[in-house]
Amino acid sequence: MIIRHAEKPTGSGKPYGLTEDGEQDVESLTVRGWTRAGALVELFDPRNPDGSPAALRPGLLRPATIFASDPGAHGSKRPEQTVTPLAAALNVKIDQRFPKGQEAQLVSALAGAAGPVLISWQHENIVAILAQLNGIAPAPPKSWPDERFDIVYVFTRNGTGWTFTQIPQLLLAGDSPTPLA
């Protein structure tokens, strides 16, 4: 499963990116992005009133492994921030071995990953991840629109290839039920 990181600042003005400590930071999520990050817990790890695991939406799985791009010294912290609440809820360590630009190495590492995998990445490089997967049908969109943060790409093994589907998150007001074109 692949998600784009949650909402980010759109320029030098409001809404600002904020660290989890509330410090202004252009490489961090906006308040709406942090809200989405929290809501992803309910999407990927829903619970019954007694705290036991609840059924997930059809097509989704509870991640056993979570990857997020390594921000390095000056890169985006948003992919990690997006999955931090989910990783905490699942008691899963986020694997950040690969920075943006090392998508081939990321895909190579997937073969050794435990259980269902969730990747949180920058939207402009998700296509580079897809380029490393062979035999995807139907073909995924060729790009991820700048304004969309509300989709989960799901890839299911089918022999030597992958079956591709999109699941709208529908977590926040304004999320679209329409898959990416």
Protein backbone atom coordinates (compact mmCIF):
# COMPACT_ATOMS: atom_id res chain seq x y z
CA MET A 1 0.00 0.00 0.00
CA ILE A 2 1.29 3.47 -0.83
CA ILE A 3 0.09 6.82 0.47
CA ARG A 4 1.26 10.31 -0.22
CA HIS A 5 2.33 12.21 2.88
CA ALA A 6 -0.41 14.35 4.43
CA GLU A 7 -1.08 18.05 3.78
CA LYS A 8 1.81 20.46 3.53
CA PRO A 9 2.27 24.23 3.40
CA THR A 10 1.32 25.69 0.02
CA GLY A 11 3.85 28.51 0.07
CA SER A 12 5.54 30.87 2.48
CA GLY A 13 2.27 32.01 4.09
CA LYS A 14 -0.48 30.29 6.01
CA PRO A 15 -1.16 27.48 6.60
CA TYR A 16 2.28 26.89 8.05
CA GLY A 17 4.01 23.58 8.52
CA LEU A 18 4.48 22.70 12.17
CA THR A 19 6.67 20.19 13.98
CA GLU A 20 4.96 17.94 16.51
CA ASP A 21 6.16 20.45 19.14
CA GLY A 22 4.31 23.28 17.37
CA GLU A 23 7.38 24.97 15.92
CA GLN A 24 6.94 26.52 12.46
CA ASP A 25 8.77 24.40 9.86
CA VAL A 26 8.33 24.42 6.06
CA GLU A 27 9.31 20.71 5.89
CA SER A 28 6.53 19.62 8.28
CA LEU A 29 2.80 18.94 8.00
CA THR A 30 0.13 21.60 8.41
CA VAL A 31 -2.49 21.24 11.15
CA ARG A 32 -4.75 19.55 8.59
CA GLY A 33 -1.89 17.19 7.73
CA TRP A 34 -1.40 16.27 11.38
CA THR A 35 -5.16 15.68 11.61
CA ARG A 36 -4.98 13.31 8.64
CA ALA A 37 -1.98 11.54 10.20
CA GLY A 38 -4.03 10.89 13.32
CA ALA A 39 -7.04 9.75 11.29
CA LEU A 40 -4.92 7.21 9.41
CA VAL A 41 -4.82 5.19 12.64
CA GLU A 42 -8.57 4.59 12.34
CA LEU A 43 -8.18 3.72 8.65
CA PHE A 44 -5.38 1.16 9.07
CA ASP A 45 -5.94 0.02 12.68
CA PRO A 46 -9.63 0.39 13.53
CA ARG A 47 -10.72 -0.79 16.96
CA ASN A 48 -13.93 -2.02 18.54
CA PRO A 49 -15.25 -0.29 21.67
CA ASP A 50 -13.49 -2.93 23.81
CA GLY A 51 -10.15 -2.11 22.11
CA SER A 52 -9.95 -5.30 20.08
CA PRO A 53 -9.09 -5.05 16.37
CA ALA A 54 -12.06 -4.22 14.14
CA ALA A 55 -12.51 -5.11 10.50
CA LEU A 56 -10.74 -2.85 8.03
CA ARG A 57 -12.31 -1.44 4.90
CA PRO A 58 -12.31 -3.97 2.05
CA GLY A 59 -8.96 -3.94 0.25
CA LEU A 60 -6.91 -2.58 3.16
CA LEU A 61 -4.65 -4.49 5.56
CA ARG A 62 -3.02 -3.64 8.88
CA PRO A 63 0.60 -2.80 8.05
CA ALA A 64 3.25 -4.97 9.64
CA THR A 65 6.01 -2.89 8.02
CA ILE A 66 5.96 0.87 7.44
CA PHE A 67 8.40 2.73 5.20
CA ALA A 68 8.80 6.51 5.01
CA SER A 69 11.44 8.44 3.12
CA ASP A 70 14.46 9.59 5.10
CA PRO A 71 14.43 13.41 5.15
CA GLY A 72 18.20 13.67 5.43
CA ALA A 73 19.56 16.97 6.68
CA HIS A 74 17.18 19.25 4.78
CA GLY A 75 14.39 17.15 3.28
CA SER A 76 10.70 16.78 3.93
CA LYS A 77 9.73 15.34 7.31
CA ARG A 78 6.14 14.91 6.11
CA PRO A 79 6.28 11.22 5.02
CA GLU A 80 7.52 10.19 8.48
CA GLN A 81 5.16 12.54 10.32
CA THR A 82 2.22 11.15 8.33
CA VAL A 83 2.73 7.60 9.61
CA THR A 84 4.12 8.33 13.08
CA PRO A 85 0.74 8.05 14.91
CA LEU A 86 -0.08 4.83 13.02
CA ALA A 87 3.34 3.31 13.73
CA ALA A 88 2.89 4.13 17.43
CA ALA A 89 -0.59 2.55 17.49
CA LEU A 90 0.70 -0.60 15.77
CA ASN A 91 3.96 -0.66 17.75
CA VAL A 92 5.87 -0.77 14.45
CA LYS A 93 9.19 1.01 13.86
CA ILE A 94 9.21 3.20 10.75
CA ASP A 95 11.87 2.07 8.29
CA GLN A 96 13.62 5.18 6.92
CA ARG A 97 16.65 3.65 5.28
CA PHE A 98 15.90 5.27 1.92
CA PRO A 99 15.66 8.95 1.01
CA LYS A 100 13.64 10.33 -1.87
CA GLY A 101 15.54 9.33 -5.02
CA GLN A 102 16.33 5.79 -3.80
CA GLU A 103 13.03 4.24 -4.88
CA ALA A 104 14.74 1.28 -6.59
CA GLN A 105 16.48 0.38 -3.31
CA LEU A 106 13.19 0.79 -1.44
CA VAL A 107 11.41 -1.63 -3.78
CA SER A 108 14.28 -4.12 -3.46
CA ALA A 109 13.84 -4.02 0.32
CA LEU A 110 10.14 -4.84 0.03
CA ALA A 111 10.93 -8.49 -0.75
CA GLY A 112 12.32 -8.96 2.77
CA ALA A 113 9.63 -6.95 4.55
CA ALA A 114 7.32 -8.68 7.02
CA GLY A 115 3.59 -8.85 6.34
CA PRO A 116 1.53 -6.13 4.68
CA VAL A 117 3.61 -3.04 3.83
CA LEU A 118 2.64 0.64 3.90
CA ILE A 119 4.84 3.23 2.18
CA SER A 120 4.50 6.96 2.89
CA TRP A 121 6.32 8.99 0.23
CA GLN A 122 6.48 12.29 -1.67
CA HIS A 123 3.91 12.30 -4.45
CA GLU A 124 6.28 13.33 -7.23
CA ASN A 125 8.39 10.21 -6.63
CA ILE A 126 5.62 7.64 -6.17
CA VAL A 127 5.76 7.04 -9.93
CA ALA A 128 9.44 6.07 -9.47
CA ILE A 129 8.35 3.39 -6.98
CA LEU A 130 5.74 2.11 -9.43
CA ALA A 131 8.34 1.96 -12.21
CA GLN A 132 10.18 -0.68 -10.17
CA LEU A 133 7.13 -2.95 -9.87
CA ASN A 134 6.60 -5.27 -12.84
CA GLY A 135 3.28 -6.23 -14.33
CA ILE A 136 0.83 -3.77 -12.75
CA ALA A 137 -2.75 -4.06 -14.02
CA PRO A 138 -4.69 -1.95 -14.49
CA ALA A 139 -2.08 0.73 -15.02
CA PRO A 140 -1.91 3.30 -12.20
CA PRO A 141 -2.16 7.04 -12.95
CA LYS A 142 1.01 8.51 -14.45
CA SER A 143 1.18 11.24 -11.81
CA TRP A 144 -0.27 12.19 -8.44
CA PRO A 145 -2.09 15.56 -8.44
CA ASP A 146 -0.63 18.24 -6.17
CA GLU A 147 -3.94 18.84 -4.38
CA ARG A 148 -4.74 15.20 -3.47
CA PHE A 149 -3.66 13.69 -0.15
CA ASP A 150 -6.63 11.33 0.29
CA ILE A 151 -5.96 8.12 -1.66
CA VAL A 152 -4.39 4.75 -0.83
CA TYR A 153 -2.79 2.86 -3.70
CA VAL A 154 -3.13 -0.88 -3.08
CA PHE A 155 -1.06 -3.50 -4.91
CA THR A 156 -1.95 -7.16 -4.52
CA ARG A 157 0.35 -9.92 -5.81
CA ASN A 158 -1.13 -11.99 -8.63
CA GLY A 159 1.51 -14.49 -9.68
CA THR A 160 4.41 -12.52 -11.15
CA GLY A 161 2.57 -9.18 -11.31
CA TRP A 162 0.35 -6.87 -9.30
CA THR A 163 -3.32 -5.99 -9.30
CA PHE A 164 -3.77 -2.26 -8.69
CA THR A 165 -6.68 -0.57 -6.92
CA GLN A 166 -7.26 2.80 -5.31
CA ILE A 167 -9.13 3.30 -2.05
CA PRO A 168 -10.30 6.81 -1.14
CA GLN A 169 -9.40 7.56 2.49
CA LEU A 170 -12.54 9.63 3.22
CA LEU A 171 -11.09 10.72 6.56
CA LEU A 172 -11.46 14.51 6.55
CA ALA A 173 -14.02 17.00 5.31
CA GLY A 174 -13.36 17.65 1.64
CA ASP A 175 -11.78 14.25 0.91
CA SER A 176 -12.86 13.02 -2.48
CA PRO A 177 -14.53 9.66 -3.14
CA THR A 178 -13.13 9.78 -6.69
CA PRO A 179 -9.95 7.78 -7.48
CA LEU A 180 -7.07 9.53 -9.23
CA ALA A 181 -7.31 9.60 -13.02
